[in-house]
Amino acid sequence: MHMKPGILRKRVRKLCKEEILPLVILALVLFSIRSSLADWNDVPTGSMKPTILEGDRVYVNKLAYDLKVPFTTWHLAQWDNPKRGEIVVFYSPRDGKRLVKRVIGLPGDTIELRHDTLLLNGKPMEYGPIPEQVLRDVSSADKALQLYAEEHLPGQTHAVAAIPSVAALRDFGPVQVEPDHYFMMGDNRDNSFDSRYYGAVPRKAILGRATAVVLSVDKEHYWIPRWKRSFSRLD
C-alpha cells in the first residue's frame, strides 16, 4: 500500500508541529538556563585537591556576578565581582577550556610565591594544620605523597596541598594583577595549571561561582558514589 505524497507531507508537518517542535523548544530553554543561570561542571583533575576531588561534579551559580546572553560571554547586567577566596569557573586564556580555580588576586594586587608560601601585596600568608575531616575522602596514596595545610587569606581560610616529590613552580613573581583581571590558583599548588602559567583571567571570561559538590564518584573504585560529598558546600 502506497501513501499519497500529499498525505505523507501533512503527516510529517503534523509530527513536526505537535511532537518535534515542542521538544526543540524545551531543549533550547533548558540549554539557555544552563548557559545563563545555573550549570554543573565535572572536575577531571586533582588541581583543586583537597577541596575538590577527581569525580566531583560542582554546581555553578552563573547569576552570582552577572547575567549573560545565553551561549555567549556578553554581559546584559552586572551586580557583583568575584571576591578573594571564592572558587570560580572560567574560560582559560590559553586555550578556552573551562577551568575551576580559586580567586587569589584581585585587580591591582601584587602576587608572589616563595617556596610555596603565598605573598599578597608583600605580606606572607599564614598557614596552619588542616582538620582531618577535610581529608576524609582523600585517598591513602595521596595522603602519603602530599602535604596539607590551611591557608589564611584575608577573610577566607581554605585548604591547600603540596607535593614535595615533584618538580613544580614554587617560586613566582612578583606580578601585579591588571585592571579588570583576576589571578587564579589551584588549591593543589604543585599540580595546578593556573594563572602562574597563562596570566590573570579577564573578568568577562568568568562564568560563575562554584558553590557546592552536587555529586561525587570515586573513579578509582568502579565509579562508586561518595554520598557524603554529595550536596556539600565548597569553602
Protein backbone atom coordinates (compact mmCIF):
# COMPACT_ATOMS: atom_id res chain seq x y z
CA MET A 1 0.00 0.00 0.00
CA HIS A 2 1.44 3.33 -1.07
CA MET A 3 0.66 6.57 0.72
CA LYS A 4 -0.06 9.59 -1.43
CA PRO A 5 2.66 12.28 -1.30
CA GLY A 6 0.17 14.93 -0.13
CA ILE A 7 -0.97 12.84 2.83
CA LEU A 8 2.62 11.99 3.75
CA ARG A 9 3.61 15.67 3.77
CA LYS A 10 0.65 16.52 6.02
CA ARG A 11 1.58 13.80 8.48
CA VAL A 12 5.21 14.92 8.54
CA ARG A 13 4.17 18.55 9.16
CA LYS A 14 1.81 17.44 11.92
CA LEU A 15 4.55 15.35 13.53
CA CYS A 16 6.97 18.25 13.41
CA LYS A 17 4.43 20.70 14.85
CA GLU A 18 3.00 18.50 17.58
CA GLU A 19 5.98 16.35 18.59
CA ILE A 20 9.34 17.62 17.40
CA LEU A 21 8.88 21.40 17.76
CA PRO A 22 7.91 21.25 21.48
CA LEU A 23 10.97 19.10 22.16
CA VAL A 24 13.23 21.56 20.34
CA ILE A 25 11.76 24.49 22.29
CA LEU A 26 12.17 22.61 25.59
CA ALA A 27 15.79 21.78 24.74
CA LEU A 28 16.54 25.41 23.90
CA VAL A 29 15.01 26.57 27.18
CA LEU A 30 16.97 24.04 29.20
CA PHE A 31 20.26 24.80 27.45
CA SER A 32 19.62 28.55 27.87
CA ILE A 33 19.13 28.03 31.60
CA ARG A 34 22.39 26.09 31.79
CA SER A 35 24.15 28.76 29.76
CA SER A 36 22.93 31.80 31.70
CA LEU A 37 21.53 30.82 35.10
CA ALA A 38 22.95 27.61 36.56
CA ASP A 39 25.14 24.74 35.44
CA TRP A 40 27.35 21.96 36.72
CA ASN A 41 30.97 21.27 35.95
CA ASP A 42 32.74 17.92 36.07
CA VAL A 43 36.24 18.07 37.59
CA PRO A 44 38.56 15.54 35.90
CA THR A 45 41.87 16.54 37.54
CA GLY A 46 43.29 16.94 41.04
CA SER A 47 44.31 20.60 40.71
CA MET A 48 41.87 21.67 43.46
CA LYS A 49 42.65 18.91 45.98
CA PRO A 50 41.75 18.51 48.73
CA THR A 51 38.82 20.92 48.30
CA ILE A 52 37.59 19.31 45.06
CA LEU A 53 38.47 15.74 44.10
CA GLU A 54 38.52 13.96 40.76
CA GLY A 55 35.00 12.76 40.13
CA ASP A 56 33.29 15.71 41.84
CA ARG A 57 30.58 17.46 39.88
CA VAL A 58 30.24 21.02 41.17
CA TYR A 59 27.25 23.35 40.99
CA VAL A 60 27.97 26.63 39.21
CA ASN A 61 25.87 29.68 40.07
CA LYS A 62 26.01 31.73 36.88
CA LEU A 63 23.97 34.53 38.44
CA ALA A 64 26.50 35.11 41.21
CA TYR A 65 28.04 38.10 39.48
CA ASP A 66 26.10 38.97 36.34
CA LEU A 67 23.62 37.96 33.65
CA LYS A 68 24.92 36.98 30.23
CA VAL A 69 23.34 36.45 26.84
CA PRO A 70 22.79 32.67 26.51
CA PHE A 71 25.66 30.81 24.81
CA THR A 72 27.90 33.92 24.91
CA THR A 73 30.09 35.89 27.34
CA TRP A 74 28.21 39.14 26.57
CA HIS A 75 27.04 40.81 29.76
CA LEU A 76 23.46 42.05 29.99
CA ALA A 77 23.81 43.21 33.59
CA GLN A 78 26.41 43.04 36.34
CA TRP A 79 25.81 43.35 40.09
CA ASP A 80 28.93 41.90 41.72
CA ASN A 81 32.52 40.81 41.16
CA PRO A 82 34.44 37.74 42.34
CA LYS A 83 35.86 38.03 45.84
CA ARG A 84 39.19 36.76 47.07
CA GLY A 85 38.96 33.13 48.12
CA GLU A 86 35.91 32.25 46.03
CA ILE A 87 36.01 29.26 43.68
CA VAL A 88 35.02 30.22 40.15
CA VAL A 89 34.57 28.65 36.72
CA PHE A 90 36.09 30.47 33.76
CA TYR A 91 37.43 30.08 30.25
CA SER A 92 41.20 29.62 30.17
CA PRO A 93 43.05 32.48 28.42
CA ARG A 94 45.40 29.84 26.98
CA ASP A 95 43.01 27.53 25.11
CA GLY A 96 39.43 28.45 26.04
CA LYS A 97 38.83 25.35 28.17
CA ARG A 98 36.54 25.62 31.19
CA LEU A 99 38.57 25.55 34.41
CA VAL A 100 37.75 25.58 38.12
CA LYS A 101 40.17 27.53 40.34
CA ARG A 102 40.23 29.80 43.37
CA VAL A 103 40.44 33.60 43.16
CA ILE A 104 43.72 34.59 44.82
CA GLY A 105 44.40 38.05 43.42
CA LEU A 106 42.04 40.94 42.72
CA PRO A 107 42.71 43.80 40.26
CA GLY A 108 45.70 45.80 41.48
CA ASP A 109 47.02 43.12 43.86
CA THR A 110 50.65 42.04 43.78
CA ILE A 111 51.06 38.25 43.81
CA GLU A 112 54.22 36.39 44.75
CA LEU A 113 55.05 32.78 45.64
CA ARG A 114 58.19 31.85 47.59
CA HIS A 115 58.81 28.16 48.32
CA ASP A 116 55.05 27.55 48.05
CA THR A 117 54.30 30.37 50.50
CA LEU A 118 51.89 32.91 49.05
CA LEU A 119 52.68 36.60 49.45
CA LEU A 120 49.81 39.00 48.88
CA ASN A 121 50.81 42.65 48.40
CA GLY A 122 54.15 41.83 50.02
CA LYS A 123 52.65 40.13 53.07
CA PRO A 124 53.16 36.36 53.51
CA MET A 125 50.03 34.38 54.27
CA GLU A 126 49.79 32.33 57.44
CA TYR A 127 49.41 28.54 57.36
CA GLY A 128 48.06 26.15 59.95
CA PRO A 129 47.18 22.47 60.47
CA ILE A 130 44.26 21.12 58.48
CA PRO A 131 41.27 19.42 60.16
CA GLU A 132 41.22 15.69 59.49
CA GLN A 133 37.58 15.97 58.37
CA VAL A 134 38.71 17.90 55.29
CA LEU A 135 40.84 14.92 54.21
CA ARG A 136 38.10 12.33 54.79
CA ASP A 137 37.74 11.42 51.10
CA VAL A 138 41.38 11.86 50.08
CA SER A 139 42.97 8.54 49.12
CA SER A 140 45.69 6.93 51.26
CA ALA A 141 48.12 7.23 48.32
CA ASP A 142 47.56 10.99 48.08
CA LYS A 143 47.92 11.39 51.86
CA ALA A 144 51.28 9.63 51.65
CA LEU A 145 52.56 11.83 48.79
CA GLN A 146 51.10 15.22 49.62
CA LEU A 147 51.35 17.76 52.41
CA TYR A 148 48.23 19.63 53.52
CA ALA A 149 47.60 22.86 55.38
CA GLU A 150 45.08 25.65 55.83
CA GLU A 151 45.96 28.91 54.10
CA HIS A 152 44.63 32.05 55.73
CA LEU A 153 43.72 34.56 53.05
CA PRO A 154 42.25 37.88 54.17
CA GLY A 155 38.68 36.99 55.06
CA GLN A 156 38.92 33.38 53.84
CA THR A 157 40.54 30.20 55.14
CA HIS A 158 40.84 27.22 52.82
CA ALA A 159 42.79 24.00 52.33
CA VAL A 160 45.92 23.74 50.17
CA ALA A 161 48.18 20.85 49.18
CA ALA A 162 51.81 20.48 48.10
CA ILE A 163 53.69 17.56 46.56
CA PRO A 164 57.37 17.79 47.64
CA SER A 165 58.45 14.88 45.44
CA VAL A 166 57.58 16.54 42.09
CA ALA A 167 59.09 19.45 40.19
CA ALA A 168 56.75 22.45 40.42
CA LEU A 169 56.57 26.23 40.11
CA ARG A 170 57.03 27.03 43.80
CA ASP A 171 58.61 30.44 43.22
CA PHE A 172 56.77 33.01 41.16
CA GLY A 173 56.54 36.76 40.70
CA PRO A 174 56.01 39.28 42.00
CA VAL A 175 53.42 40.32 39.43
CA GLN A 176 50.67 42.90 39.63
CA VAL A 177 47.17 41.92 38.56
CA GLU A 178 45.88 44.05 35.69
CA PRO A 179 42.67 46.08 35.97
CA ASP A 180 39.53 44.02 35.36
CA HIS A 181 41.52 40.77 35.75
CA TYR A 182 41.75 38.09 38.46
CA PHE A 183 44.64 35.87 39.48
CA MET A 184 43.57 32.22 39.81
CA MET A 185 45.34 29.36 41.55
CA GLY A 186 44.51 25.73 42.27
CA ASP A 187 44.47 24.57 45.88
CA ASN A 188 46.86 21.78 44.88
CA ARG A 189 49.70 24.24 44.39
CA ASP A 190 52.25 21.81 42.95
CA ASN A 191 49.79 20.25 40.48
CA SER A 192 47.77 23.10 39.01
CA PHE A 193 47.85 24.79 35.63
CA ASP A 194 46.74 28.27 36.65
CA SER A 195 47.49 31.99 36.39
CA ARG A 196 51.17 31.35 37.06
CA TYR A 197 51.30 29.91 33.54
CA TYR A 198 48.66 31.78 31.50
CA GLY A 199 48.33 35.05 33.38
CA ALA A 200 45.41 36.72 35.12
CA VAL A 201 41.91 35.95 33.83
CA PRO A 202 39.78 38.72 32.26
CA ARG A 203 36.58 39.45 34.17
CA LYS A 204 34.47 38.73 31.07
CA ALA A 205 35.84 35.15 30.92
CA ILE A 206 34.46 34.26 34.38
CA LEU A 207 31.27 32.22 34.06
CA GLY A 208 30.15 31.94 37.65
CA ARG A 209 30.86 30.79 41.18
CA ALA A 210 31.20 27.12 42.18
CA THR A 211 29.32 26.75 45.46
CA ALA A 212 28.75 23.04 46.14
CA VAL A 213 29.52 19.47 45.17
CA VAL A 214 26.34 18.13 43.59
CA LEU A 215 27.54 14.57 43.03
CA SER A 216 30.81 12.76 43.60
CA VAL A 217 32.03 9.39 42.30
CA ASP A 218 35.22 7.51 43.08
CA LYS A 219 36.78 6.89 39.67
CA GLU A 220 39.48 4.63 41.10
CA HIS A 221 36.94 2.27 42.66
CA TYR A 222 34.46 1.44 39.91
CA TRP A 223 32.74 4.84 40.00
CA ILE A 224 31.18 4.18 43.39
CA PRO A 225 29.25 7.28 44.59
CA ARG A 226 30.76 9.19 47.51
CA TRP A 227 27.43 10.05 49.08
CA LYS A 228 28.85 12.09 51.97
CA ARG A 229 30.38 14.52 49.48
CA SER A 230 27.17 14.99 47.52
CA PHE A 231 25.37 18.27 48.23
CA SER A 232 28.26 19.50 50.37
CA ARG A 233 29.28 23.16 50.36
CA LEU A 234 32.56 24.30 48.86
CA ASP A 235 34.78 26.51 51.05
